[in-house]
N, C-alpha and C. Protein backbone atom coordinates (compact mmCIF):
# COMPACT_ATOMS: atom_id res chain seq x y z
N MET A 1 0.08 -33.98 -3.26
CA MET A 1 -0.58 -33.02 -3.85
C MET A 1 0.19 -31.79 -3.81
N PRO A 2 0.91 -30.92 -4.80
CA PRO A 2 1.61 -29.75 -4.50
C PRO A 2 0.42 -28.62 -4.27
N LEU A 3 1.24 -27.39 -4.11
CA LEU A 3 0.35 -26.18 -4.10
C LEU A 3 -0.15 -26.16 -5.21
N GLU A 4 -1.52 -25.59 -5.37
CA GLU A 4 -2.21 -25.40 -6.65
C GLU A 4 -2.83 -23.75 -6.25
N ILE A 5 -3.09 -22.74 -7.32
CA ILE A 5 -3.45 -21.60 -7.15
C ILE A 5 -4.89 -22.08 -7.77
N ALA A 6 -5.79 -21.29 -7.29
CA ALA A 6 -7.13 -21.03 -7.35
C ALA A 6 -7.41 -20.12 -8.45
N PRO A 7 -8.31 -20.65 -9.45
CA PRO A 7 -8.67 -19.63 -10.69
C PRO A 7 -8.99 -17.97 -10.09
N HIS A 8 -9.12 -17.34 -11.07
CA HIS A 8 -9.57 -16.14 -10.53
C HIS A 8 -11.17 -16.30 -10.32
N HIS A 9 -11.56 -15.34 -9.51
CA HIS A 9 -12.97 -15.55 -9.06
C HIS A 9 -13.49 -14.23 -8.42
N GLU A 10 -14.51 -14.02 -8.24
CA GLU A 10 -15.22 -12.80 -7.66
C GLU A 10 -14.93 -12.98 -6.17
N SER A 11 -15.15 -11.74 -5.57
CA SER A 11 -14.74 -11.44 -4.19
C SER A 11 -15.58 -12.40 -3.42
N PRO A 12 -14.85 -13.07 -2.23
CA PRO A 12 -15.38 -14.25 -1.84
C PRO A 12 -16.58 -13.36 -0.70
N ASP A 13 -17.23 -14.24 -0.12
CA ASP A 13 -18.42 -13.90 0.68
C ASP A 13 -17.84 -14.23 2.43
N MET A 14 -17.00 -15.17 2.51
CA MET A 14 -16.75 -15.39 3.92
C MET A 14 -15.26 -15.72 3.76
N VAL A 15 -14.56 -15.18 4.95
CA VAL A 15 -13.23 -15.47 5.15
C VAL A 15 -12.98 -16.16 6.35
N TYR A 16 -12.21 -17.48 6.56
CA TYR A 16 -12.02 -18.10 7.90
C TYR A 16 -10.86 -17.56 8.30
N TRP A 17 -10.64 -17.54 9.82
CA TRP A 17 -9.10 -17.15 10.21
C TRP A 17 -8.77 -18.01 11.48
N ASP A 18 -7.54 -18.12 11.93
CA ASP A 18 -7.17 -18.85 12.81
C ASP A 18 -5.74 -18.05 13.53
N VAL A 19 -5.39 -18.36 14.72
CA VAL A 19 -4.23 -17.93 15.34
C VAL A 19 -3.13 -19.35 15.50
N LEU A 20 -1.74 -18.59 15.04
CA LEU A 20 -0.97 -19.95 15.27
C LEU A 20 0.14 -19.45 15.96
N GLN A 21 0.50 -20.57 17.01
CA GLN A 21 1.83 -19.94 18.04
C GLN A 21 3.01 -20.79 17.32
N VAL A 22 3.81 -20.19 17.35
CA VAL A 22 4.78 -21.16 16.55
C VAL A 22 6.33 -20.19 17.28
N ARG A 23 7.35 -21.29 17.80
CA ARG A 23 8.29 -20.57 18.70
C ARG A 23 7.74 -19.32 19.81
N SER A 24 8.50 -18.28 19.57
CA SER A 24 7.81 -17.17 20.57
C SER A 24 6.80 -16.12 19.71
N TRP A 25 6.41 -16.55 18.21
CA TRP A 25 5.88 -15.52 17.51
C TRP A 25 4.42 -16.17 17.32
N THR A 26 3.67 -14.92 16.83
CA THR A 26 2.20 -15.19 16.81
C THR A 26 1.81 -15.22 15.28
N LEU A 27 1.18 -15.97 14.74
CA LEU A 27 1.12 -15.86 13.19
C LEU A 27 -0.77 -15.83 12.83
N TYR A 28 -1.12 -15.20 12.29
CA TYR A 28 -2.55 -15.41 11.91
C TYR A 28 -2.71 -15.83 10.60
N VAL A 29 -3.70 -16.59 10.13
CA VAL A 29 -3.56 -17.72 9.04
C VAL A 29 -5.22 -17.20 8.55
N ALA A 30 -5.39 -17.06 7.39
CA ALA A 30 -6.96 -16.85 6.75
C ALA A 30 -6.92 -17.53 5.36
N ALA A 31 -8.29 -18.05 5.16
CA ALA A 31 -8.40 -18.70 3.95
C ALA A 31 -10.00 -18.35 3.70
N THR A 32 -10.41 -18.26 2.37
CA THR A 32 -11.73 -18.24 1.78
C THR A 32 -12.02 -19.61 1.33
N PRO A 33 -13.21 -19.72 0.99
CA PRO A 33 -13.54 -21.04 0.46
C PRO A 33 -12.77 -21.31 -0.52
N PHE A 34 -11.99 -20.56 -1.45
CA PHE A 34 -11.30 -20.96 -2.74
C PHE A 34 -9.87 -21.64 -2.18
N GLY A 35 -9.39 -21.12 -0.78
CA GLY A 35 -7.88 -21.43 -0.77
C GLY A 35 -7.22 -20.79 0.63
N LEU A 36 -6.07 -20.73 1.03
CA LEU A 36 -5.39 -20.04 1.81
C LEU A 36 -5.22 -18.51 0.98
N CYS A 37 -5.55 -17.59 2.01
CA CYS A 37 -5.01 -16.08 1.37
C CYS A 37 -4.15 -15.06 2.09
N ARG A 38 -3.84 -15.81 3.29
CA ARG A 38 -3.39 -14.90 3.89
C ARG A 38 -2.57 -15.37 4.99
N VAL A 39 -1.23 -15.28 5.62
CA VAL A 39 -0.43 -15.90 6.63
C VAL A 39 0.47 -14.46 7.17
N THR A 40 0.25 -14.24 8.04
CA THR A 40 0.74 -12.91 8.72
C THR A 40 2.28 -13.47 9.08
N LEU A 41 3.16 -12.10 9.41
CA LEU A 41 4.56 -12.37 10.07
C LEU A 41 4.39 -11.84 11.15
N PRO A 42 5.44 -12.56 12.20
CA PRO A 42 5.57 -11.86 13.76
C PRO A 42 5.43 -10.46 13.51
N GLY A 43 4.20 -9.80 14.51
CA GLY A 43 4.43 -8.41 14.44
C GLY A 43 3.09 -8.11 13.87
N GLU A 44 2.43 -8.79 12.65
CA GLU A 44 1.39 -8.42 12.15
C GLU A 44 0.18 -8.73 12.56
N SER A 45 -0.79 -7.98 12.46
CA SER A 45 -2.20 -8.81 12.73
C SER A 45 -3.10 -8.60 11.47
N LEU A 46 -4.17 -9.37 11.17
CA LEU A 46 -5.06 -9.65 10.30
C LEU A 46 -5.60 -7.90 10.19
N ASP A 47 -5.70 -7.20 10.99
CA ASP A 47 -6.07 -5.80 10.95
C ASP A 47 -5.08 -4.94 10.15
N ASP A 48 -4.04 -5.15 10.15
CA ASP A 48 -2.91 -4.47 9.26
C ASP A 48 -3.30 -4.51 7.90
N ASP A 49 -4.20 -5.23 7.67
CA ASP A 49 -4.68 -5.19 5.78
C ASP A 49 -5.83 -4.84 5.43
N VAL A 50 -6.22 -4.06 6.30
CA VAL A 50 -7.58 -3.22 5.68
C VAL A 50 -7.59 -2.78 4.29
N LYS A 51 -6.32 -1.80 3.91
CA LYS A 51 -6.80 -1.71 2.30
C LYS A 51 -6.76 -2.53 1.48
N TRP A 52 -6.06 -3.75 1.86
CA TRP A 52 -5.84 -4.84 0.82
C TRP A 52 -7.44 -5.62 1.14
N ARG A 53 -7.79 -5.77 2.32
CA ARG A 53 -9.13 -6.49 2.71
C ARG A 53 -10.58 -5.60 1.84
N MET A 54 -10.29 -4.28 1.77
CA MET A 54 -11.38 -3.85 1.17
C MET A 54 -11.44 -3.52 -0.33
N ARG A 55 -10.27 -3.85 -0.70
CA ARG A 55 -9.66 -3.84 -2.23
C ARG A 55 -10.21 -5.35 -2.71
N PHE A 56 -10.04 -6.27 -2.18
CA PHE A 56 -10.20 -7.79 -2.90
C PHE A 56 -11.45 -8.35 -2.44
N MET A 57 -11.52 -8.11 -1.01
CA MET A 57 -12.57 -8.60 -0.43
C MET A 57 -13.96 -7.53 0.46
N PRO A 58 -14.13 -6.77 -0.13
CA PRO A 58 -14.87 -5.46 0.64
C PRO A 58 -16.35 -6.07 1.12
N SER A 59 -16.96 -7.21 1.19
CA SER A 59 -18.06 -7.71 1.58
C SER A 59 -17.93 -8.87 2.37
N ALA A 60 -16.97 -9.44 2.48
CA ALA A 60 -16.57 -10.56 3.14
C ALA A 60 -16.57 -10.62 4.51
N GLN A 61 -17.51 -11.57 5.39
CA GLN A 61 -17.35 -11.76 6.96
C GLN A 61 -16.07 -12.54 7.04
N TRP A 62 -15.48 -12.07 8.14
CA TRP A 62 -14.61 -12.80 8.75
C TRP A 62 -14.97 -13.80 9.95
N ARG A 63 -14.65 -14.95 10.16
CA ARG A 63 -15.15 -15.66 11.34
C ARG A 63 -14.03 -16.64 11.55
N HIS A 64 -13.81 -16.67 13.07
CA HIS A 64 -12.92 -17.58 13.62
C HIS A 64 -13.20 -18.98 13.32
N ASP A 65 -12.34 -19.66 12.75
CA ASP A 65 -12.97 -21.25 12.32
C ASP A 65 -11.43 -22.07 12.28
N PRO A 66 -10.76 -22.67 13.64
CA PRO A 66 -9.63 -23.22 13.41
C PRO A 66 -9.85 -24.50 12.50
N GLY A 67 -10.97 -24.93 12.51
CA GLY A 67 -11.29 -26.51 11.47
C GLY A 67 -10.91 -25.93 10.21
N ALA A 68 -11.30 -24.94 9.80
CA ALA A 68 -11.35 -24.56 8.14
C ALA A 68 -9.79 -24.34 7.82
N LEU A 69 -8.99 -24.09 8.92
CA LEU A 69 -7.49 -23.45 8.65
C LEU A 69 -6.33 -25.22 9.23
N GLU A 70 -7.12 -26.02 9.59
CA GLU A 70 -6.60 -27.04 10.13
C GLU A 70 -5.09 -27.68 9.11
N THR A 71 -5.80 -27.83 8.22
CA THR A 71 -4.30 -28.36 7.12
C THR A 71 -3.10 -27.34 7.21
N PHE A 72 -3.56 -26.33 6.86
CA PHE A 72 -2.67 -25.25 6.70
C PHE A 72 -1.64 -25.06 8.05
N THR A 73 -2.54 -24.66 8.90
CA THR A 73 -1.89 -24.50 10.29
C THR A 73 -1.03 -25.88 10.77
N GLN A 74 -1.39 -27.08 10.38
CA GLN A 74 -0.82 -28.00 10.82
C GLN A 74 0.63 -28.16 10.17
N GLN A 75 0.43 -27.87 8.56
CA GLN A 75 1.74 -27.77 7.74
C GLN A 75 2.63 -26.68 7.92
N LEU A 76 2.22 -25.59 8.55
CA LEU A 76 2.95 -24.36 9.18
C LEU A 76 3.74 -24.81 10.35
N SER A 77 3.06 -25.38 11.25
CA SER A 77 3.64 -25.89 12.61
C SER A 77 4.69 -27.12 12.33
N GLU A 78 4.40 -27.86 11.49
CA GLU A 78 5.55 -29.02 10.79
C GLU A 78 6.77 -28.20 10.20
N TYR A 79 6.74 -27.07 9.79
CA TYR A 79 7.66 -26.14 8.85
C TYR A 79 8.56 -25.88 9.87
N PHE A 80 7.87 -25.36 11.10
CA PHE A 80 8.62 -24.46 12.15
C PHE A 80 9.24 -25.61 13.22
N THR A 81 8.81 -27.03 13.04
CA THR A 81 9.71 -28.12 13.84
C THR A 81 10.61 -28.39 12.89
N GLY A 82 10.81 -27.97 11.54
CA GLY A 82 11.81 -28.83 10.61
C GLY A 82 11.43 -29.98 10.17
N THR A 83 10.01 -30.73 10.27
CA THR A 83 9.68 -31.78 9.42
C THR A 83 9.15 -31.68 8.26
N ARG A 84 8.90 -30.49 7.97
CA ARG A 84 8.00 -30.27 6.86
C ARG A 84 8.92 -29.42 5.77
N GLN A 85 8.94 -29.80 4.43
CA GLN A 85 9.78 -28.85 3.43
C GLN A 85 8.79 -28.21 2.58
N ASP A 86 7.87 -28.93 2.28
CA ASP A 86 7.00 -28.65 1.31
C ASP A 86 5.51 -28.46 1.60
N PHE A 87 4.66 -27.47 0.80
CA PHE A 87 3.35 -27.54 1.56
C PHE A 87 2.38 -28.14 0.29
N PHE A 88 1.29 -28.38 0.60
CA PHE A 88 0.18 -28.87 -0.34
C PHE A 88 -1.03 -27.77 -0.15
N GLY A 89 -1.87 -27.96 -1.01
CA GLY A 89 -3.45 -27.24 -0.82
C GLY A 89 -3.42 -26.23 -2.01
N THR A 90 -4.73 -25.45 -1.69
CA THR A 90 -4.92 -24.65 -2.83
C THR A 90 -4.52 -22.98 -2.23
N LEU A 91 -4.09 -22.09 -2.88
CA LEU A 91 -3.76 -20.87 -2.71
C LEU A 91 -4.55 -20.08 -3.09
N ASP A 92 -5.39 -18.86 -2.72
CA ASP A 92 -6.30 -17.94 -3.20
C ASP A 92 -5.44 -16.74 -2.97
N LEU A 93 -4.81 -16.47 -4.50
CA LEU A 93 -3.94 -15.08 -4.36
C LEU A 93 -4.44 -13.80 -5.03
N TYR A 94 -4.25 -12.70 -4.31
CA TYR A 94 -4.80 -11.34 -4.98
C TYR A 94 -3.84 -10.50 -5.26
N GLY A 95 -3.94 -10.47 -6.60
CA GLY A 95 -2.68 -9.33 -6.88
C GLY A 95 -2.69 -9.01 -8.45
N THR A 96 -1.70 -8.70 -9.03
CA THR A 96 -1.72 -8.32 -10.62
C THR A 96 -1.08 -9.55 -11.14
N PRO A 97 -1.14 -9.50 -12.50
CA PRO A 97 -0.51 -10.48 -13.42
C PRO A 97 0.71 -10.66 -12.64
N PHE A 98 1.36 -9.48 -12.96
CA PHE A 98 2.80 -9.83 -12.71
C PHE A 98 3.26 -10.28 -11.39
N GLN A 99 2.29 -9.63 -10.69
CA GLN A 99 2.86 -10.08 -9.05
C GLN A 99 2.54 -11.90 -8.99
N ARG A 100 1.17 -11.91 -9.74
CA ARG A 100 1.21 -13.82 -9.63
C ARG A 100 2.01 -14.29 -10.23
N ALA A 101 2.66 -13.80 -11.23
CA ALA A 101 3.91 -14.15 -11.95
C ALA A 101 4.95 -14.63 -10.86
N VAL A 102 5.36 -13.74 -10.32
CA VAL A 102 6.79 -13.41 -9.26
C VAL A 102 6.39 -14.39 -8.41
N TRP A 103 5.00 -14.43 -7.51
CA TRP A 103 4.89 -15.58 -6.78
C TRP A 103 5.09 -16.87 -7.24
N GLN A 104 4.41 -17.24 -8.38
CA GLN A 104 4.55 -18.75 -8.86
C GLN A 104 6.18 -18.69 -8.70
N ALA A 105 7.20 -17.94 -9.51
CA ALA A 105 8.10 -18.22 -9.75
C ALA A 105 9.23 -18.67 -8.40
N LEU A 106 8.42 -17.57 -7.04
CA LEU A 106 8.90 -18.00 -5.82
C LEU A 106 8.66 -19.75 -5.40
N LEU A 107 7.57 -20.23 -5.64
CA LEU A 107 7.37 -21.50 -5.41
C LEU A 107 8.25 -22.52 -5.87
N THR A 108 8.98 -22.10 -6.88
CA THR A 108 10.06 -23.15 -7.36
C THR A 108 11.18 -22.97 -6.84
N ILE A 109 11.65 -21.94 -5.63
CA ILE A 109 12.84 -21.96 -5.07
C ILE A 109 12.59 -23.14 -4.08
N PRO A 110 13.76 -23.91 -4.09
CA PRO A 110 13.97 -25.24 -3.24
C PRO A 110 14.04 -24.79 -1.75
N TYR A 111 13.57 -25.52 -0.91
CA TYR A 111 13.47 -25.02 0.40
C TYR A 111 15.21 -25.37 1.00
N GLY A 112 15.34 -24.32 1.75
CA GLY A 112 16.77 -24.20 1.94
C GLY A 112 17.87 -23.53 1.05
N GLU A 113 17.24 -23.20 -0.24
CA GLU A 113 18.34 -22.25 -1.15
C GLU A 113 17.54 -21.16 -1.12
N THR A 114 18.48 -20.15 -1.80
CA THR A 114 17.95 -18.77 -1.86
C THR A 114 18.20 -18.49 -3.59
N ARG A 115 17.78 -17.29 -3.95
CA ARG A 115 17.80 -16.81 -5.02
C ARG A 115 17.80 -15.37 -5.22
N SER A 116 18.58 -14.57 -6.02
CA SER A 116 18.53 -12.97 -5.72
C SER A 116 17.35 -12.67 -6.79
N TYR A 117 17.04 -10.97 -6.31
CA TYR A 117 15.97 -10.38 -6.92
C TYR A 117 16.53 -10.60 -8.44
N GLN A 118 17.40 -10.37 -9.01
CA GLN A 118 17.59 -10.46 -10.59
C GLN A 118 17.32 -11.97 -11.03
N ASP A 119 17.84 -13.11 -10.31
CA ASP A 119 17.47 -14.34 -10.51
C ASP A 119 16.17 -14.44 -10.92
N VAL A 120 15.26 -14.02 -9.93
CA VAL A 120 13.45 -14.26 -10.18
C VAL A 120 12.93 -13.36 -11.30
N ALA A 121 13.92 -12.10 -11.58
CA ALA A 121 13.06 -11.45 -12.67
C ALA A 121 13.56 -12.21 -13.73
N GLN A 122 14.78 -12.76 -13.72
CA GLN A 122 15.06 -13.81 -15.29
C GLN A 122 14.20 -15.06 -15.20
N MET A 123 13.74 -15.53 -14.25
CA MET A 123 12.78 -16.68 -14.31
C MET A 123 11.27 -16.48 -14.88
N ILE A 124 11.18 -15.15 -14.50
CA ILE A 124 9.70 -14.53 -15.22
C ILE A 124 9.87 -14.03 -16.44
N HIS A 125 11.23 -14.13 -17.07
CA HIS A 125 11.70 -13.74 -18.53
C HIS A 125 11.14 -12.46 -18.45
N ASP A 126 11.80 -11.46 -17.39
CA ASP A 126 11.70 -10.00 -17.15
C ASP A 126 13.03 -9.30 -16.46
N PRO A 127 14.05 -9.69 -17.34
CA PRO A 127 15.21 -9.19 -16.39
C PRO A 127 15.49 -8.00 -15.70
N LYS A 128 14.75 -7.03 -16.36
CA LYS A 128 15.03 -5.80 -15.91
C LYS A 128 14.01 -5.50 -14.92
N ALA A 129 13.41 -6.45 -14.70
CA ALA A 129 12.24 -6.05 -13.54
C ALA A 129 12.62 -6.40 -12.20
N VAL A 130 13.91 -6.15 -11.83
CA VAL A 130 14.29 -6.48 -10.56
C VAL A 130 14.05 -5.85 -9.23
N ARG A 131 13.34 -4.61 -9.42
CA ARG A 131 12.57 -3.71 -8.47
C ARG A 131 11.36 -3.97 -8.28
N ALA A 132 10.69 -4.40 -9.12
CA ALA A 132 9.28 -4.75 -9.36
C ALA A 132 9.13 -6.06 -8.69
N VAL A 133 10.14 -6.82 -8.67
CA VAL A 133 10.09 -8.33 -8.29
C VAL A 133 10.30 -7.82 -6.81
N GLY A 134 10.83 -7.08 -6.03
CA GLY A 134 11.04 -6.48 -4.92
C GLY A 134 9.74 -6.22 -4.17
N GLY A 135 9.04 -5.26 -5.30
CA GLY A 135 7.37 -5.09 -5.02
C GLY A 135 6.52 -5.87 -4.99
N ALA A 136 6.69 -7.07 -5.40
CA ALA A 136 5.85 -8.04 -5.59
C ALA A 136 5.96 -8.90 -4.58
N ASN A 137 7.29 -9.18 -3.93
CA ASN A 137 7.63 -9.86 -2.88
C ASN A 137 6.90 -8.85 -1.55
N HIS A 138 6.91 -7.68 -1.77
CA HIS A 138 6.38 -7.05 -0.64
C HIS A 138 4.87 -7.11 -0.34
N ALA A 139 4.03 -7.55 -1.72
CA ALA A 139 3.02 -7.48 -1.97
C ALA A 139 2.22 -9.22 -1.46
N ASN A 140 3.07 -9.62 -1.40
CA ASN A 140 2.73 -11.14 -1.07
C ASN A 140 2.24 -11.30 0.36
N ARG A 141 1.04 -11.95 0.17
CA ARG A 141 0.32 -12.03 1.43
C ARG A 141 0.55 -13.43 2.18
N ILE A 142 1.25 -14.38 1.52
CA ILE A 142 1.25 -15.84 1.97
C ILE A 142 2.63 -15.95 2.18
N PRO A 143 3.67 -15.18 2.93
CA PRO A 143 4.56 -15.67 3.10
C PRO A 143 4.88 -17.01 3.75
N ILE A 144 6.09 -17.25 3.89
CA ILE A 144 6.76 -18.54 4.31
C ILE A 144 6.23 -19.51 3.45
N ILE A 145 4.69 -19.63 2.85
CA ILE A 145 4.51 -21.06 1.73
C ILE A 145 4.77 -20.31 0.73
N ILE A 146 4.35 -19.26 0.45
CA ILE A 146 5.28 -18.45 -0.66
C ILE A 146 6.46 -17.92 -0.42
N PRO A 147 7.51 -18.44 -0.51
CA PRO A 147 8.90 -18.04 0.22
C PRO A 147 9.62 -16.98 -0.28
N CYS A 148 9.25 -15.96 -0.22
CA CYS A 148 9.70 -14.65 -0.48
C CYS A 148 11.06 -14.27 0.57
N HIS A 149 11.00 -15.01 1.49
CA HIS A 149 12.10 -14.75 2.27
C HIS A 149 13.25 -15.61 1.86
N ARG A 150 13.20 -16.47 0.56
CA ARG A 150 14.34 -16.81 0.20
C ARG A 150 15.11 -16.41 -0.80
N VAL A 151 14.71 -14.62 -1.12
CA VAL A 151 14.87 -13.90 -1.99
C VAL A 151 15.91 -12.84 -1.35
N ILE A 152 17.14 -12.96 -2.07
CA ILE A 152 18.24 -12.04 -1.22
C ILE A 152 18.86 -11.30 -2.45
N GLY A 153 19.47 -10.35 -1.71
CA GLY A 153 20.52 -9.08 -2.69
C GLY A 153 21.48 -10.19 -3.61
N LYS A 154 21.76 -9.58 -4.60
CA LYS A 154 22.85 -10.19 -5.93
C LYS A 154 24.10 -10.54 -5.35
N GLN A 155 24.39 -9.83 -4.27
CA GLN A 155 25.62 -10.35 -3.57
C GLN A 155 25.65 -11.22 -2.29
N GLY A 156 24.55 -11.77 -2.13
CA GLY A 156 24.19 -12.77 -1.28
C GLY A 156 23.72 -12.26 0.14
N ASP A 157 23.76 -10.69 0.12
CA ASP A 157 23.10 -10.09 1.24
C ASP A 157 21.66 -9.91 1.58
N LEU A 158 21.16 -9.95 2.83
CA LEU A 158 20.21 -10.08 3.17
C LEU A 158 19.37 -8.62 3.16
N VAL A 159 18.25 -8.53 2.38
CA VAL A 159 17.60 -7.12 2.03
C VAL A 159 16.26 -7.48 2.26
N GLY A 160 15.51 -6.35 2.48
CA GLY A 160 13.99 -6.10 2.17
C GLY A 160 13.17 -7.57 2.42
N TYR A 161 12.56 -7.53 3.82
CA TYR A 161 11.46 -8.29 4.29
C TYR A 161 10.83 -7.69 4.87
N GLY A 162 9.40 -7.94 4.81
CA GLY A 162 7.89 -7.19 5.36
C GLY A 162 7.97 -7.90 6.80
N GLY A 163 8.48 -9.03 7.20
CA GLY A 163 8.68 -9.17 8.66
C GLY A 163 9.87 -8.91 9.29
N GLY A 164 10.88 -7.91 8.56
CA GLY A 164 11.67 -7.41 9.22
C GLY A 164 13.19 -8.70 8.75
N LEU A 165 14.58 -8.22 8.81
CA LEU A 165 15.71 -8.91 8.39
C LEU A 165 15.66 -10.00 9.54
N GLU A 166 15.43 -10.04 10.54
CA GLU A 166 15.63 -10.85 11.63
C GLU A 166 14.85 -12.00 11.66
N VAL A 167 13.66 -11.58 11.15
CA VAL A 167 12.39 -12.91 10.73
C VAL A 167 13.22 -13.42 9.68
N LYS A 168 13.61 -12.90 8.72
CA LYS A 168 14.34 -13.56 7.37
C LYS A 168 15.40 -14.29 7.61
N GLN A 169 16.40 -13.86 8.54
CA GLN A 169 17.62 -14.74 8.87
C GLN A 169 17.16 -16.26 9.42
N GLU A 170 16.12 -15.79 10.76
CA GLU A 170 15.33 -17.02 11.49
C GLU A 170 14.84 -18.10 10.37
N LEU A 171 14.09 -17.46 9.31
CA LEU A 171 13.57 -18.70 8.39
C LEU A 171 14.42 -19.40 7.83
N LEU A 172 15.32 -18.61 6.98
CA LEU A 172 16.69 -18.94 6.33
C LEU A 172 17.43 -20.06 7.09
N LYS A 173 17.88 -19.50 8.27
CA LYS A 173 18.59 -20.40 9.44
C LYS A 173 17.78 -21.69 9.68
N LEU A 174 16.72 -21.85 9.77
CA LEU A 174 15.71 -22.86 10.06
C LEU A 174 15.97 -23.85 8.87
N GLU A 175 15.75 -23.33 7.74
CA GLU A 175 15.79 -23.98 6.44
C GLU A 175 17.08 -24.75 6.44
N GLN A 176 18.02 -23.91 6.03
CA GLN A 176 19.61 -24.36 6.30
C GLN A 176 19.84 -25.53 7.06
N GLN A 177 19.29 -25.62 8.60
CA GLN A 177 19.68 -26.45 9.43
C GLN A 177 18.96 -27.73 9.17
N THR A 178 17.68 -27.53 8.61
CA THR A 178 16.99 -28.87 8.69
C THR A 178 16.91 -29.24 7.20
N ARG A 179 17.63 -28.70 6.27
CA ARG A 179 17.86 -29.24 4.95
C ARG A 179 18.86 -30.35 5.20
N ARG A 180 19.85 -29.84 5.90
CA ARG A 180 21.03 -31.02 6.21
C ARG A 180 20.44 -32.32 6.76
N ILE A 181 19.48 -32.32 7.57
CA ILE A 181 18.98 -33.31 8.20
C ILE A 181 18.19 -34.27 6.89
N PHE A 182 17.32 -33.44 5.91
CA PHE A 182 16.92 -34.32 5.24
C PHE A 182 17.33 -34.85 3.83
N CYS A 183 18.62 -34.31 3.59
CA CYS A 183 19.47 -34.59 2.82
C CYS A 183 20.14 -35.76 3.02
């Protein structure tokens, strides 16, 4: 079963979260009853999302529940060991229709490959929206699974990443190394 996007719904009452240690990184993972809604990058915490949480989940209670996140934390662990290229499950996305279109397009970029911001703008049939694609990437609350790290500059340079260019480079390096094994 590939990744699915949960249909639009009212604000959830409950959000479950867990902590995942991979490499030397600490990642926080969160899900609503509708699907995965957040994966942090190294150096981020769930507390960094106060504005986002107040906008989309103002009355939700947050509960530490590793069991509720086990499917996704296991997949992320496998990704970081190089044994998983594709994710499955339901994503609970919060954003504008434009952002959601960009995130859908990002899901089509194959593991170990990259696309430019301009390529993504063309994928969503809005070739002039290159900067807006960058803004949608920045608003992506499920990095790694929605692979905004696979979007690079037109000339192939690493530009813009919420977790920093070092993290982006590490993720791309991991995928390029393990892609050779799977091919």
